Amino acid sequence: MHAYRSLAGISKASSSSPRASNSAAYRSLGASTSSSTTGRWLVKSEPSDYSIDALAREGTTVWDGVRNAQAQKHMKSMRVGDRCLFYHSSCAAIGVVGIAEVAREAYPEPGDASNKYVVVDLRFVSKLAHLVSLPALKADARLSGMVLLRQPRLSVQPVERAHFDIITGANAGGSSYFG
């Protein structure tokens, strides 16, 4: 599903218009609209192509190969410092496995002769202590509004801050999946 290339040259993720015209809509979905706010995203990768372990080893990677127009639009909205749930797809253990952050905002995809596609650089933040499986996400009523549950094939998608906080445990004192 995804074809990505790391900064070290290893291949890895797949899936447009400027976000300025839709800043209120993006803000409501968790995306940042200024440097003073931090957006929240979910990025998918097949671990056989690129895993959270590969990102942990490399530190930073180019998130390339994304072809879906909506996912490209989301990548153009990402800002440095935005946090991303790293999601393993098309494998035995599907779900959220870690956290990354945007290290470089959208720029033209290297090697794209059509000049239609952008990439972002992602930096490793942490691995979750335990997989937050897709069945667990679906079963938690607090997460019922997640884009992931409505558009499961979208490889880059916004995440509401409340949903991100539930999954990562950032909601001080509340229950979470973060170890």
Foldseek 3Di string as FASTA:
>chain_A
DAWAAFPVGQIWGEAADACPVVVVVQVQLFFDDDPVGAREKEAETAVVRPDLVNLVVRFKTKRDHHHHHVQQHLQQRFDFFHKYFYFHPPDPFTAGWAMKTFHAGWDFDPPPPVSPGTITMIGGDTTFPDGCGPVNLCPDPQNVPAVCVVPVVHRMGTHGPSNVCQACVVPPPDHYRGD
